[in-house]
Amino acid sequence: MGDFFAGAVALKRGGTVEEMAKGFLFLASDDSSYMTGGELLMDGGYRDL
């Protein structure tokens, strides 16, 4: 991961495949059955510099 991107992310690192998968698995599971809309941000606190 480049220094610029690391500086633009609040967690100061890129996300792992496992971290991304957890969000997708949540949306595909019954745990999200009462959701009707919204955003699930999995961006590590990214901000556009």
PDB file of N, CA and C in Angstrom:
ATOM      1  N   MET A   1       0.863  -1.178   0.000  1.00  0.00           N
ATOM      2  CA  MET A   1       0.000   0.000   0.000  1.00  0.00           C
ATOM      3  C   MET A   1       0.900   1.229   0.000  1.00  0.00           C
ATOM      4  N   GLY A   2       0.553   2.211  -0.820  1.00  0.00           N
ATOM      5  CA  GLY A   2       1.362   3.412  -0.914  1.00  0.00           C
ATOM      6  C   GLY A   2       1.212   4.331   0.277  1.00  0.00           C
ATOM      7  N   ASP A   3       2.213   5.171   0.464  1.00  0.00           N
ATOM      8  CA  ASP A   3       2.185   6.114   1.590  1.00  0.00           C
ATOM      9  C   ASP A   3       1.022   7.083   1.490  1.00  0.00           C
ATOM     10  N   PHE A   4       0.678   7.525   0.258  1.00  0.00           N
ATOM     11  CA  PHE A   4      -0.429   8.460   0.095  1.00  0.00           C
ATOM     12  C   PHE A   4      -1.729   7.828   0.574  1.00  0.00           C
ATOM     13  N   PHE A   5      -1.996   6.601   0.131  1.00  0.00           N
ATOM     14  CA  PHE A   5      -3.234   5.931   0.514  1.00  0.00           C
ATOM     15  C   PHE A   5      -3.262   5.684   2.018  1.00  0.00           C
ATOM     16  N   ALA A   6      -2.159   5.244   2.592  1.00  0.00           N
ATOM     17  CA  ALA A   6      -2.112   4.999   4.037  1.00  0.00           C
ATOM     18  C   ALA A   6      -2.413   6.278   4.807  1.00  0.00           C
ATOM     19  N   GLY A   7      -1.960   7.422   4.297  1.00  0.00           N
ATOM     20  CA  GLY A   7      -2.227   8.689   4.960  1.00  0.00           C
ATOM     21  C   GLY A   7      -3.669   9.138   4.830  1.00  0.00           C
ATOM     22  N   ALA A   8      -4.375   8.615   3.826  1.00  0.00           N
ATOM     23  CA  ALA A   8      -5.763   9.004   3.596  1.00  0.00           C
ATOM     24  C   ALA A   8      -6.755   8.099   4.326  1.00  0.00           C
ATOM     25  N   VAL A   9      -6.267   7.056   4.956  1.00  0.00           N
ATOM     26  CA  VAL A   9      -7.124   6.099   5.656  1.00  0.00           C
ATOM     27  C   VAL A   9      -6.904   6.267   7.159  1.00  0.00           C
ATOM     28  N   ALA A  10      -7.990   6.439   7.901  1.00  0.00           N
ATOM     29  CA  ALA A  10      -7.893   6.674   9.350  1.00  0.00           C
ATOM     30  C   ALA A  10      -7.183   5.524  10.070  1.00  0.00           C
ATOM     31  N   LEU A  11      -7.360   4.305   9.609  1.00  0.00           N
ATOM     32  CA  LEU A  11      -6.723   3.160  10.259  1.00  0.00           C
ATOM     33  C   LEU A  11      -5.275   2.983   9.835  1.00  0.00           C
ATOM     34  N   LYS A  12      -4.808   3.796   8.902  1.00  0.00           N
ATOM     35  CA  LYS A  12      -3.413   3.800   8.435  1.00  0.00           C
ATOM     36  C   LYS A  12      -2.963   2.480   7.824  1.00  0.00           C
ATOM     37  N   ARG A  13      -3.905   1.729   7.226  1.00  0.00           N
ATOM     38  CA  ARG A  13      -3.576   0.468   6.549  1.00  0.00           C
ATOM     39  C   ARG A  13      -4.713   0.086   5.625  1.00  0.00           C
ATOM     40  N   GLY A  14      -4.421  -0.795   4.720  1.00  0.00           N
ATOM     41  CA  GLY A  14      -5.460  -1.319   3.851  1.00  0.00           C
ATOM     42  C   GLY A  14      -6.229  -2.420   4.555  1.00  0.00           C
ATOM     43  N   GLY A  15      -7.425  -2.680   4.075  1.00  0.00           N
ATOM     44  CA  GLY A  15      -8.237  -3.756   4.642  1.00  0.00           C
ATOM     45  C   GLY A  15      -7.792  -5.100   4.103  1.00  0.00           C
ATOM     46  N   THR A  16      -8.040  -6.141   4.857  1.00  0.00           N
ATOM     47  CA  THR A  16      -7.708  -7.490   4.415  1.00  0.00           C
ATOM     48  C   THR A  16      -8.898  -8.108   3.696  1.00  0.00           C
ATOM     49  N   VAL A  17      -8.633  -9.163   2.974  1.00  0.00           N
ATOM     50  CA  VAL A  17      -9.707  -9.898   2.300  1.00  0.00           C
ATOM     51  C   VAL A  17     -10.707 -10.404   3.327  1.00  0.00           C
ATOM     52  N   GLU A  18     -10.219 -10.870   4.452  1.00  0.00           N
ATOM     53  CA  GLU A  18     -11.101 -11.393   5.496  1.00  0.00           C
ATOM     54  C   GLU A  18     -12.014 -10.300   6.051  1.00  0.00           C
ATOM     55  N   GLU A  19     -11.482  -9.089   6.224  1.00  0.00           N
ATOM     56  CA  GLU A  19     -12.298  -7.977   6.731  1.00  0.00           C
ATOM     57  C   GLU A  19     -13.389  -7.600   5.733  1.00  0.00           C
ATOM     58  N   MET A  20     -13.063  -7.595   4.463  1.00  0.00           N
ATOM     59  CA  MET A  20     -14.064  -7.282   3.438  1.00  0.00           C
ATOM     60  C   MET A  20     -15.127  -8.376   3.384  1.00  0.00           C
ATOM     61  N   ALA A  21     -14.685  -9.631   3.465  1.00  0.00           N
ATOM     62  CA  ALA A  21     -15.618 -10.760   3.395  1.00  0.00           C
ATOM     63  C   ALA A  21     -16.638 -10.721   4.521  1.00  0.00           C
ATOM     64  N   LYS A  22     -16.230 -10.294   5.713  1.00  0.00           N
ATOM     65  CA  LYS A  22     -17.165 -10.232   6.847  1.00  0.00           C
ATOM     66  C   LYS A  22     -18.342  -9.312   6.554  1.00  0.00           C
ATOM     67  N   GLY A  23     -18.083  -8.187   5.894  1.00  0.00           N
ATOM     68  CA  GLY A  23     -19.171  -7.283   5.530  1.00  0.00           C
ATOM     69  C   GLY A  23     -20.111  -7.901   4.518  1.00  0.00           C
ATOM     70  N   PHE A  24     -19.542  -8.565   3.507  1.00  0.00           N
ATOM     71  CA  PHE A  24     -20.374  -9.213   2.491  1.00  0.00           C
ATOM     72  C   PHE A  24     -21.169 -10.370   3.076  1.00  0.00           C
ATOM     73  N   LEU A  25     -20.543 -11.131   3.956  1.00  0.00           N
ATOM     74  CA  LEU A  25     -21.248 -12.246   4.589  1.00  0.00           C
ATOM     75  C   LEU A  25     -22.387 -11.754   5.468  1.00  0.00           C
ATOM     76  N   PHE A  26     -22.187 -10.628   6.143  1.00  0.00           N
ATOM     77  CA  PHE A  26     -23.267 -10.045   6.944  1.00  0.00           C
ATOM     78  C   PHE A  26     -24.461  -9.711   6.064  1.00  0.00           C
ATOM     79  N   LEU A  27     -24.207  -9.060   4.933  1.00  0.00           N
ATOM     80  CA  LEU A  27     -25.307  -8.673   4.047  1.00  0.00           C
ATOM     81  C   LEU A  27     -26.017  -9.884   3.449  1.00  0.00           C
ATOM     82  N   ALA A  28     -25.297 -10.978   3.258  1.00  0.00           N
ATOM     83  CA  ALA A  28     -25.885 -12.192   2.681  1.00  0.00           C
ATOM     84  C   ALA A  28     -26.545 -13.076   3.736  1.00  0.00           C
ATOM     85  N   SER A  29     -26.389 -12.738   5.012  1.00  0.00           N
ATOM     86  CA  SER A  29     -26.908 -13.580   6.085  1.00  0.00           C
ATOM     87  C   SER A  29     -28.260 -13.088   6.591  1.00  0.00           C
ATOM     88  N   ASP A  30     -28.871 -13.905   7.425  1.00  0.00           N
ATOM     89  CA  ASP A  30     -30.135 -13.522   8.066  1.00  0.00           C
ATOM     90  C   ASP A  30     -29.947 -12.382   9.058  1.00  0.00           C
ATOM     91  N   ASP A  31     -28.711 -12.115   9.484  1.00  0.00           N
ATOM     92  CA  ASP A  31     -28.453 -11.015  10.415  1.00  0.00           C
ATOM     93  C   ASP A  31     -28.827  -9.664   9.823  1.00  0.00           C
ATOM     94  N   SER A  32     -28.872  -9.560   8.510  1.00  0.00           N
ATOM     95  CA  SER A  32     -29.222  -8.292   7.866  1.00  0.00           C
ATOM     96  C   SER A  32     -30.654  -8.306   7.328  1.00  0.00           C
ATOM     97  N   SER A  33     -31.464  -9.256   7.791  1.00  0.00           N
ATOM     98  CA  SER A  33     -32.806  -9.428   7.231  1.00  0.00           C
ATOM     99  C   SER A  33     -33.747  -8.253   7.496  1.00  0.00           C
ATOM    100  N   TYR A  34     -33.472  -7.437   8.500  1.00  0.00           N
ATOM    101  CA  TYR A  34     -34.350  -6.311   8.812  1.00  0.00           C
ATOM    102  C   TYR A  34     -33.851  -5.008   8.201  1.00  0.00           C
ATOM    103  N   MET A  35     -32.788  -5.065   7.448  1.00  0.00           N
ATOM    104  CA  MET A  35     -32.264  -3.867   6.778  1.00  0.00           C
ATOM    105  C   MET A  35     -33.089  -3.595   5.528  1.00  0.00           C
ATOM    106  N   THR A  36     -33.449  -2.349   5.337  1.00  0.00           N
ATOM    107  CA  THR A  36     -34.193  -1.978   4.136  1.00  0.00           C
ATOM    108  C   THR A  36     -33.406  -1.031   3.252  1.00  0.00           C
ATOM    109  N   GLY A  37     -32.276  -0.620   3.687  1.00  0.00           N
ATOM    110  CA  GLY A  37     -31.440   0.283   2.910  1.00  0.00           C
ATOM    111  C   GLY A  37     -30.398   0.908   3.809  1.00  0.00           C
ATOM    112  N   GLY A  38     -29.465   1.531   3.213  1.00  0.00           N
ATOM    113  CA  GLY A  38     -28.409   2.169   3.974  1.00  0.00           C
ATOM    114  C   GLY A  38     -27.064   1.857   3.362  1.00  0.00           C
ATOM    115  N   GLU A  39     -26.037   2.266   4.039  1.00  0.00           N
ATOM    116  CA  GLU A  39     -24.688   2.041   3.551  1.00  0.00           C
ATOM    117  C   GLU A  39     -23.889   1.293   4.586  1.00  0.00           C
ATOM    118  N   LEU A  40     -23.125   0.354   4.131  1.00  0.00           N
ATOM    119  CA  LEU A  40     -22.198  -0.363   4.978  1.00  0.00           C
ATOM    120  C   LEU A  40     -20.811   0.005   4.471  1.00  0.00           C
ATOM    121  N   LEU A  41     -20.198   0.973   5.127  1.00  0.00           N
ATOM    122  CA  LEU A  41     -18.902   1.458   4.681  1.00  0.00           C
ATOM    123  C   LEU A  41     -17.788   0.583   5.232  1.00  0.00           C
ATOM    124  N   MET A  42     -17.017   0.020   4.330  1.00  0.00           N
ATOM    125  CA  MET A  42     -15.877  -0.812   4.710  1.00  0.00           C
ATOM    126  C   MET A  42     -14.634  -0.180   4.068  1.00  0.00           C
ATOM    127  N   ASP A  43     -14.340   1.042   4.499  1.00  0.00           N
ATOM    128  CA  ASP A  43     -13.275   1.792   3.851  1.00  0.00           C
ATOM    129  C   ASP A  43     -12.161   2.216   4.809  1.00  0.00           C
ATOM    130  N   GLY A  44     -12.197   1.735   6.036  1.00  0.00           N
ATOM    131  CA  GLY A  44     -11.151   2.051   6.997  1.00  0.00           C
ATOM    132  C   GLY A  44     -11.097   3.509   7.390  1.00  0.00           C
ATOM    133  N   GLY A  45     -12.157   4.252   7.105  1.00  0.00           N
ATOM    134  CA  GLY A  45     -12.180   5.669   7.417  1.00  0.00           C
ATOM    135  C   GLY A  45     -11.514   6.516   6.342  1.00  0.00           C
ATOM    136  N   TYR A  46     -11.563   6.047   5.093  1.00  0.00           N
ATOM    137  CA  TYR A  46     -10.949   6.778   3.977  1.00  0.00           C
ATOM    138  C   TYR A  46     -11.552   8.162   3.836  1.00  0.00           C
ATOM    139  N   ARG A  47     -10.704   9.123   3.571  1.00  0.00           N
ATOM    140  CA  ARG A  47     -11.166  10.488   3.285  1.00  0.00           C
ATOM    141  C   ARG A  47     -10.415  10.987   2.064  1.00  0.00           C
ATOM    142  N   ASP A  48     -11.115  11.657   1.200  1.00  0.00           N
ATOM    143  CA  ASP A  48     -10.528  12.188  -0.032  1.00  0.00           C
ATOM    144  C   ASP A  48      -9.673  13.390   0.315  1.00  0.00           C
ATOM    145  N   LEU A  49      -8.391  13.318  -0.006  1.00  0.00           N
ATOM    146  CA  LEU A  49      -7.493  14.425   0.328  1.00  0.00           C
ATOM    147  C   LEU A  49      -7.436  15.420  -0.788  1.00  0.00           C
TER     148      LEU A  49
END
